[in-house]
């Protein structure tokens, strides 16, 4: 059994996600020196660093012509070298011991952050910026901190996410209400994919 952290780092004209990835990896290693880390990147952003155990370069970049690099994140299941994976976003920092998380997470196939809290430990109830989720009755999940293990249920979820991304222009016109997003944002794709495979959210871990 293997476990580790994974995230995507694809630079664009506005942000150096490689630099942010290195800072995140260093912060994880500070608190959890034994943790394994995998970063998925593209040919233009590939790099090496002592704090990162695996750097995987995409064979095909689905977001090559996109200003915002979201369109590869359905590949997390396929590309993760771990049996148990915590998926993050590169613009984060670690500030505490979290090794105990695994003992809870690996009881499940798929776990999302749901109804996140702010810095005051208050549940975020204002969903104004997530009006699209409300209008489409989607679960209020966040992909920025999620877990999956190599299982049929998780594989089914990521295959659904792939289908949505690859058919995004049709999806946003025929499956979503008032969606004008040019690119398939990961939170939205994951929420819709989960709603499709589990319509009543019976298996959604809170």
C-alpha atoms as a PDB file:
ATOM      1  CA  UNK A   1       0.000   0.000   0.000  1.00  0.00           C
ATOM      2  CA  UNK A   2       1.272   3.470  -0.897  1.00  0.00           C
ATOM      3  CA  UNK A   3      -0.046   6.898  -0.004  1.00  0.00           C
ATOM      4  CA  UNK A   4       0.861  10.431  -0.981  1.00  0.00           C
ATOM      5  CA  UNK A   5      -0.086  13.907  -2.137  1.00  0.00           C
ATOM      6  CA  UNK A   6      -0.708  14.898  -5.739  1.00  0.00           C
ATOM      7  CA  UNK A   7      -1.442  18.157  -7.540  1.00  0.00           C
ATOM      8  CA  UNK A   8      -1.144  19.790 -10.964  1.00  0.00           C
ATOM      9  CA  UNK A   9       1.287  22.617 -11.776  1.00  0.00           C
ATOM     10  CA  UNK A  10       0.918  24.259 -15.169  1.00  0.00           C
ATOM     11  CA  UNK A  11       2.198  27.802 -15.483  1.00  0.00           C
ATOM     12  CA  UNK A  12       0.238  30.440 -17.340  1.00  0.00           C
ATOM     13  CA  UNK A  13       0.954  34.053 -18.228  1.00  0.00           C
ATOM     14  CA  UNK A  14      -0.170  35.277 -14.801  1.00  0.00           C
ATOM     15  CA  UNK A  15       1.054  32.695 -12.272  1.00  0.00           C
ATOM     16  CA  UNK A  16       4.165  30.596 -11.646  1.00  0.00           C
ATOM     17  CA  UNK A  17       2.574  27.414 -10.322  1.00  0.00           C
ATOM     18  CA  UNK A  18       5.926  25.619 -10.261  1.00  0.00           C
ATOM     19  CA  UNK A  19       7.252  28.109  -7.713  1.00  0.00           C
ATOM     20  CA  UNK A  20       4.100  27.691  -5.652  1.00  0.00           C
ATOM     21  CA  UNK A  21       4.379  23.887  -5.920  1.00  0.00           C
ATOM     22  CA  UNK A  22       7.875  23.950  -4.494  1.00  0.00           C
ATOM     23  CA  UNK A  23       6.720  26.037  -1.539  1.00  0.00           C
ATOM     24  CA  UNK A  24       3.803  23.684  -0.902  1.00  0.00           C
ATOM     25  CA  UNK A  25       6.042  20.614  -1.112  1.00  0.00           C
ATOM     26  CA  UNK A  26       8.560  22.152   1.288  1.00  0.00           C
ATOM     27  CA  UNK A  27       5.794  22.974   3.759  1.00  0.00           C
ATOM     28  CA  UNK A  28       4.454  19.399   3.635  1.00  0.00           C
ATOM     29  CA  UNK A  29       7.922  17.918   4.129  1.00  0.00           C
ATOM     30  CA  UNK A  30       8.486  20.257   7.086  1.00  0.00           C
ATOM     31  CA  UNK A  31       5.556  18.734   8.961  1.00  0.00           C
ATOM     32  CA  UNK A  32       5.486  15.258   7.382  1.00  0.00           C
ATOM     33  CA  UNK A  33       9.057  14.409   6.230  1.00  0.00           C
ATOM     34  CA  UNK A  34       8.072  10.865   5.205  1.00  0.00           C
ATOM     35  CA  UNK A  35       5.217  12.001   2.953  1.00  0.00           C
ATOM     36  CA  UNK A  36       5.436  11.200  -0.735  1.00  0.00           C
ATOM     37  CA  UNK A  37       4.613  13.958  -3.232  1.00  0.00           C
ATOM     38  CA  UNK A  38       3.749  13.787  -6.930  1.00  0.00           C
ATOM     39  CA  UNK A  39       3.336  16.864  -9.151  1.00  0.00           C
ATOM     40  CA  UNK A  40       1.814  16.632 -12.623  1.00  0.00           C
ATOM     41  CA  UNK A  41       3.029  19.228 -15.084  1.00  0.00           C
ATOM     42  CA  UNK A  42       3.521  19.900 -18.802  1.00  0.00           C
ATOM     43  CA  UNK A  43       6.568  20.179 -21.051  1.00  0.00           C
ATOM     44  CA  UNK A  44       6.725  23.955 -20.645  1.00  0.00           C
ATOM     45  CA  UNK A  45       6.561  23.797 -16.854  1.00  0.00           C
ATOM     46  CA  UNK A  46       8.526  20.625 -16.032  1.00  0.00           C
ATOM     47  CA  UNK A  47      11.044  20.851 -13.200  1.00  0.00           C
ATOM     48  CA  UNK A  48      12.845  18.907 -10.495  1.00  0.00           C
ATOM     49  CA  UNK A  49      13.144  19.605  -6.781  1.00  0.00           C
ATOM     50  CA  UNK A  50      14.407  17.669  -3.773  1.00  0.00           C
ATOM     51  CA  UNK A  51      11.102  17.998  -1.916  1.00  0.00           C
ATOM     52  CA  UNK A  52       9.116  16.403  -4.733  1.00  0.00           C
ATOM     53  CA  UNK A  53       9.362  12.641  -5.175  1.00  0.00           C
ATOM     54  CA  UNK A  54       7.645  12.283  -8.560  1.00  0.00           C
ATOM     55  CA  UNK A  55       7.266  14.776 -11.392  1.00  0.00           C
ATOM     56  CA  UNK A  56       4.976  13.457 -14.113  1.00  0.00           C
ATOM     57  CA  UNK A  57       4.935  15.263 -17.451  1.00  0.00           C
ATOM     58  CA  UNK A  58       1.671  15.066 -19.373  1.00  0.00           C
ATOM     59  CA  UNK A  59       1.820  13.147 -22.635  1.00  0.00           C
ATOM     60  CA  UNK A  60      -1.128  15.152 -23.937  1.00  0.00           C
ATOM     61  CA  UNK A  61      -2.084  18.560 -22.588  1.00  0.00           C
ATOM     62  CA  UNK A  62      -5.842  19.065 -22.822  1.00  0.00           C
ATOM     63  CA  UNK A  63      -5.437  22.689 -21.735  1.00  0.00           C
ATOM     64  CA  UNK A  64      -2.541  23.592 -24.014  1.00  0.00           C
ATOM     65  CA  UNK A  65      -4.504  26.416 -25.660  1.00  0.00           C
ATOM     66  CA  UNK A  66      -6.384  27.479 -22.517  1.00  0.00           C
ATOM     67  CA  UNK A  67      -5.582  30.548 -20.440  1.00  0.00           C
ATOM     68  CA  UNK A  68      -6.640  28.663 -17.329  1.00  0.00           C
ATOM     69  CA  UNK A  69      -5.175  25.165 -16.983  1.00  0.00           C
ATOM     70  CA  UNK A  70      -8.035  23.080 -15.606  1.00  0.00           C
ATOM     71  CA  UNK A  71      -8.679  20.553 -18.325  1.00  0.00           C
ATOM     72  CA  UNK A  72      -6.207  17.860 -17.245  1.00  0.00           C
ATOM     73  CA  UNK A  73      -7.341  17.329 -13.672  1.00  0.00           C
ATOM     74  CA  UNK A  74      -9.584  14.382 -14.523  1.00  0.00           C
ATOM     75  CA  UNK A  75      -6.298  12.505 -15.071  1.00  0.00           C
ATOM     76  CA  UNK A  76      -5.486  12.484 -11.347  1.00  0.00           C
ATOM     77  CA  UNK A  77      -6.702   8.902 -10.897  1.00  0.00           C
ATOM     78  CA  UNK A  78      -4.753   7.643 -13.888  1.00  0.00           C
ATOM     79  CA  UNK A  79      -1.523   9.487 -13.074  1.00  0.00           C
ATOM     80  CA  UNK A  80      -1.297   9.040  -9.321  1.00  0.00           C
ATOM     81  CA  UNK A  81       1.499   6.604  -8.369  1.00  0.00           C
ATOM     82  CA  UNK A  82      -0.230   5.975  -5.033  1.00  0.00           C
ATOM     83  CA  UNK A  83      -2.921   3.577  -3.871  1.00  0.00           C
ATOM     84  CA  UNK A  84      -4.236   6.329  -1.595  1.00  0.00           C
ATOM     85  CA  UNK A  85      -4.047   9.924  -2.818  1.00  0.00           C
ATOM     86  CA  UNK A  86      -4.791  13.293  -1.273  1.00  0.00           C
ATOM     87  CA  UNK A  87      -5.233  15.722  -4.140  1.00  0.00           C
ATOM     88  CA  UNK A  88      -4.366  19.356  -3.494  1.00  0.00           C
ATOM     89  CA  UNK A  89      -3.996  22.591  -5.434  1.00  0.00           C
ATOM     90  CA  UNK A  90      -0.547  24.076  -5.916  1.00  0.00           C
ATOM     91  CA  UNK A  91      -1.338  27.459  -4.339  1.00  0.00           C
ATOM     92  CA  UNK A  92      -1.611  26.101  -0.787  1.00  0.00           C
ATOM     93  CA  UNK A  93       0.641  25.748   2.264  1.00  0.00           C
ATOM     94  CA  UNK A  94       0.779  23.080   4.992  1.00  0.00           C
ATOM     95  CA  UNK A  95       0.890  24.267   8.597  1.00  0.00           C
ATOM     96  CA  UNK A  96       0.342  21.260  10.847  1.00  0.00           C
ATOM     97  CA  UNK A  97       0.786  17.528  11.326  1.00  0.00           C
ATOM     98  CA  UNK A  98      -1.846  15.669   9.298  1.00  0.00           C
ATOM     99  CA  UNK A  99      -0.542  12.123   9.079  1.00  0.00           C
ATOM    100  CA  UNK A 100      -3.492  10.941  11.193  1.00  0.00           C
ATOM    101  CA  UNK A 101      -5.861  11.934   8.351  1.00  0.00           C
ATOM    102  CA  UNK A 102      -5.025   8.767   6.445  1.00  0.00           C
ATOM    103  CA  UNK A 103      -6.587   6.511   9.088  1.00  0.00           C
ATOM    104  CA  UNK A 104      -9.951   8.164   8.463  1.00  0.00           C
ATOM    105  CA  UNK A 105      -9.700   8.701   4.718  1.00  0.00           C
ATOM    106  CA  UNK A 106      -8.691   5.247   3.583  1.00  0.00           C
ATOM    107  CA  UNK A 107     -11.921   3.792   4.935  1.00  0.00           C
ATOM    108  CA  UNK A 108     -13.588   5.415   1.911  1.00  0.00           C
ATOM    109  CA  UNK A 109     -13.204   5.442  -1.870  1.00  0.00           C
ATOM    110  CA  UNK A 110     -13.738   9.145  -2.466  1.00  0.00           C
ATOM    111  CA  UNK A 111     -13.827  12.088  -0.063  1.00  0.00           C
ATOM    112  CA  UNK A 112     -14.276  15.779  -0.903  1.00  0.00           C
ATOM    113  CA  UNK A 113     -14.092  18.922   1.160  1.00  0.00           C
ATOM    114  CA  UNK A 114     -17.747  19.896   1.637  1.00  0.00           C
ATOM    115  CA  UNK A 115     -19.116  23.199   2.973  1.00  0.00           C
ATOM    116  CA  UNK A 116     -15.685  24.596   3.771  1.00  0.00           C
ATOM    117  CA  UNK A 117     -14.840  26.882   6.684  1.00  0.00           C
ATOM    118  CA  UNK A 118     -13.148  30.280   6.735  1.00  0.00           C
ATOM    119  CA  UNK A 119     -10.199  31.354   8.860  1.00  0.00           C
ATOM    120  CA  UNK A 120     -12.556  31.935  11.802  1.00  0.00           C
ATOM    121  CA  UNK A 121     -13.674  28.281  11.663  1.00  0.00           C
ATOM    122  CA  UNK A 122     -17.110  29.359  10.447  1.00  0.00           C
ATOM    123  CA  UNK A 123     -18.878  27.324   7.766  1.00  0.00           C
ATOM    124  CA  UNK A 124     -19.097  29.363   4.580  1.00  0.00           C
ATOM    125  CA  UNK A 125     -22.812  29.837   3.984  1.00  0.00           C
ATOM    126  CA  UNK A 126     -22.664  32.648   1.441  1.00  0.00           C
ATOM    127  CA  UNK A 127     -22.673  30.868  -1.898  1.00  0.00           C
ATOM    128  CA  UNK A 128     -23.013  33.998  -4.034  1.00  0.00           C
ATOM    129  CA  UNK A 129     -19.883  33.148  -5.975  1.00  0.00           C
ATOM    130  CA  UNK A 130     -21.197  29.595  -6.340  1.00  0.00           C
ATOM    131  CA  UNK A 131     -24.599  30.590  -7.684  1.00  0.00           C
ATOM    132  CA  UNK A 132     -24.056  28.149 -10.535  1.00  0.00           C
ATOM    133  CA  UNK A 133     -23.929  25.297  -8.010  1.00  0.00           C
ATOM    134  CA  UNK A 134     -27.172  26.429  -6.384  1.00  0.00           C
ATOM    135  CA  UNK A 135     -28.989  26.930  -9.690  1.00  0.00           C
ATOM    136  CA  UNK A 136     -28.005  23.458 -10.843  1.00  0.00           C
ATOM    137  CA  UNK A 137     -28.546  21.733  -7.484  1.00  0.00           C
ATOM    138  CA  UNK A 138     -24.951  20.524  -7.318  1.00  0.00           C
ATOM    139  CA  UNK A 139     -23.202  19.333  -4.146  1.00  0.00           C
ATOM    140  CA  UNK A 140     -21.108  22.094  -2.574  1.00  0.00           C
ATOM    141  CA  UNK A 141     -17.813  20.258  -2.954  1.00  0.00           C
ATOM    142  CA  UNK A 142     -14.290  21.590  -3.351  1.00  0.00           C
ATOM    143  CA  UNK A 143     -11.559  19.734  -5.208  1.00  0.00           C
ATOM    144  CA  UNK A 144      -8.746  21.729  -3.602  1.00  0.00           C
ATOM    145  CA  UNK A 145      -8.502  19.154  -0.835  1.00  0.00           C
ATOM    146  CA  UNK A 146      -9.884  15.740  -1.688  1.00  0.00           C
ATOM    147  CA  UNK A 147      -8.983  12.079  -1.314  1.00  0.00           C
ATOM    148  CA  UNK A 148      -9.381   9.037  -3.517  1.00  0.00           C
ATOM    149  CA  UNK A 149      -8.118   5.503  -3.513  1.00  0.00           C
ATOM    150  CA  UNK A 150      -7.614   3.159  -6.440  1.00  0.00           C
ATOM    151  CA  UNK A 151     -11.091   1.647  -6.549  1.00  0.00           C
ATOM    152  CA  UNK A 152     -13.891   1.054  -9.027  1.00  0.00           C
ATOM    153  CA  UNK A 153     -16.031   3.813  -7.499  1.00  0.00           C
ATOM    154  CA  UNK A 154     -13.275   6.423  -7.762  1.00  0.00           C
ATOM    155  CA  UNK A 155     -12.431   5.249 -11.270  1.00  0.00           C
ATOM    156  CA  UNK A 156     -16.074   5.641 -12.272  1.00  0.00           C
ATOM    157  CA  UNK A 157     -16.075   9.188 -10.922  1.00  0.00           C
ATOM    158  CA  UNK A 158     -12.937  10.224 -12.810  1.00  0.00           C
ATOM    159  CA  UNK A 159     -14.160   8.643 -16.038  1.00  0.00           C
ATOM    160  CA  UNK A 160     -17.340  10.693 -15.751  1.00  0.00           C
ATOM    161  CA  UNK A 161     -15.261  13.824 -15.139  1.00  0.00           C
ATOM    162  CA  UNK A 162     -13.223  13.030 -18.255  1.00  0.00           C
ATOM    163  CA  UNK A 163     -16.362  12.729 -20.348  1.00  0.00           C
ATOM    164  CA  UNK A 164     -17.605  16.109 -19.107  1.00  0.00           C
ATOM    165  CA  UNK A 165     -14.303  17.844 -19.822  1.00  0.00           C
ATOM    166  CA  UNK A 166     -13.919  16.370 -23.292  1.00  0.00           C
ATOM    167  CA  UNK A 167     -17.467  17.440 -24.185  1.00  0.00           C
ATOM    168  CA  UNK A 168     -17.480  20.722 -22.284  1.00  0.00           C
ATOM    169  CA  UNK A 169     -19.084  22.906 -24.957  1.00  0.00           C
ATOM    170  CA  UNK A 170     -22.078  20.582 -25.180  1.00  0.00           C
ATOM    171  CA  UNK A 171     -22.196  19.991 -21.423  1.00  0.00           C
ATOM    172  CA  UNK A 172     -22.437  23.659 -20.482  1.00  0.00           C
ATOM    173  CA  UNK A 173     -25.199  24.251 -23.028  1.00  0.00           C
ATOM    174  CA  UNK A 174     -27.339  21.171 -22.468  1.00  0.00           C
ATOM    175  CA  UNK A 175     -26.643  19.926 -18.936  1.00  0.00           C
ATOM    176  CA  UNK A 176     -26.194  23.120 -16.926  1.00  0.00           C
ATOM    177  CA  UNK A 177     -28.388  26.175 -16.365  1.00  0.00           C
ATOM    178  CA  UNK A 178     -26.833  29.560 -17.115  1.00  0.00           C
ATOM    179  CA  UNK A 179     -23.292  28.269 -17.437  1.00  0.00           C
ATOM    180  CA  UNK A 180     -21.076  30.542 -19.507  1.00  0.00           C
ATOM    181  CA  UNK A 181     -17.688  29.217 -18.368  1.00  0.00           C
ATOM    182  CA  UNK A 182     -15.301  29.061 -21.285  1.00  0.00           C
ATOM    183  CA  UNK A 183     -13.144  26.447 -19.603  1.00  0.00           C
ATOM    184  CA  UNK A 184     -14.221  23.436 -17.505  1.00  0.00           C
ATOM    185  CA  UNK A 185     -13.449  24.480 -13.920  1.00  0.00           C
ATOM    186  CA  UNK A 186     -12.491  21.512 -11.792  1.00  0.00           C
ATOM    187  CA  UNK A 187     -14.892  22.221  -8.920  1.00  0.00           C
ATOM    188  CA  UNK A 188     -17.829  22.454 -11.306  1.00  0.00           C
ATOM    189  CA  UNK A 189     -16.849  19.386 -13.328  1.00  0.00           C
ATOM    190  CA  UNK A 190     -16.294  17.303 -10.197  1.00  0.00           C
ATOM    191  CA  UNK A 191     -19.594  18.426  -8.657  1.00  0.00           C
ATOM    192  CA  UNK A 192     -21.527  17.554 -11.805  1.00  0.00           C
ATOM    193  CA  UNK A 193     -19.698  14.248 -12.231  1.00  0.00           C
ATOM    194  CA  UNK A 194     -20.494  13.302  -8.659  1.00  0.00           C
ATOM    195  CA  UNK A 195     -24.151  14.293  -9.011  1.00  0.00           C
ATOM    196  CA  UNK A 196     -24.428  12.050 -12.072  1.00  0.00           C
ATOM    197  CA  UNK A 197     -22.924   8.955 -10.457  1.00  0.00           C
ATOM    198  CA  UNK A 198     -24.642   9.499  -7.095  1.00  0.00           C
ATOM    199  CA  UNK A 199     -27.804  11.561  -7.788  1.00  0.00           C
ATOM    200  CA  UNK A 200     -29.039  11.648  -4.182  1.00  0.00           C
ATOM    201  CA  UNK A 201     -25.502  12.154  -2.777  1.00  0.00           C
ATOM    202  CA  UNK A 202     -26.096   9.078  -0.613  1.00  0.00           C
ATOM    203  CA  UNK A 203     -22.395   8.202  -0.584  1.00  0.00           C
ATOM    204  CA  UNK A 204     -21.059  11.747  -0.251  1.00  0.00           C
ATOM    205  CA  UNK A 205     -18.852  11.896   2.850  1.00  0.00           C
ATOM    206  CA  UNK A 206     -19.461  15.054   4.859  1.00  0.00           C
END
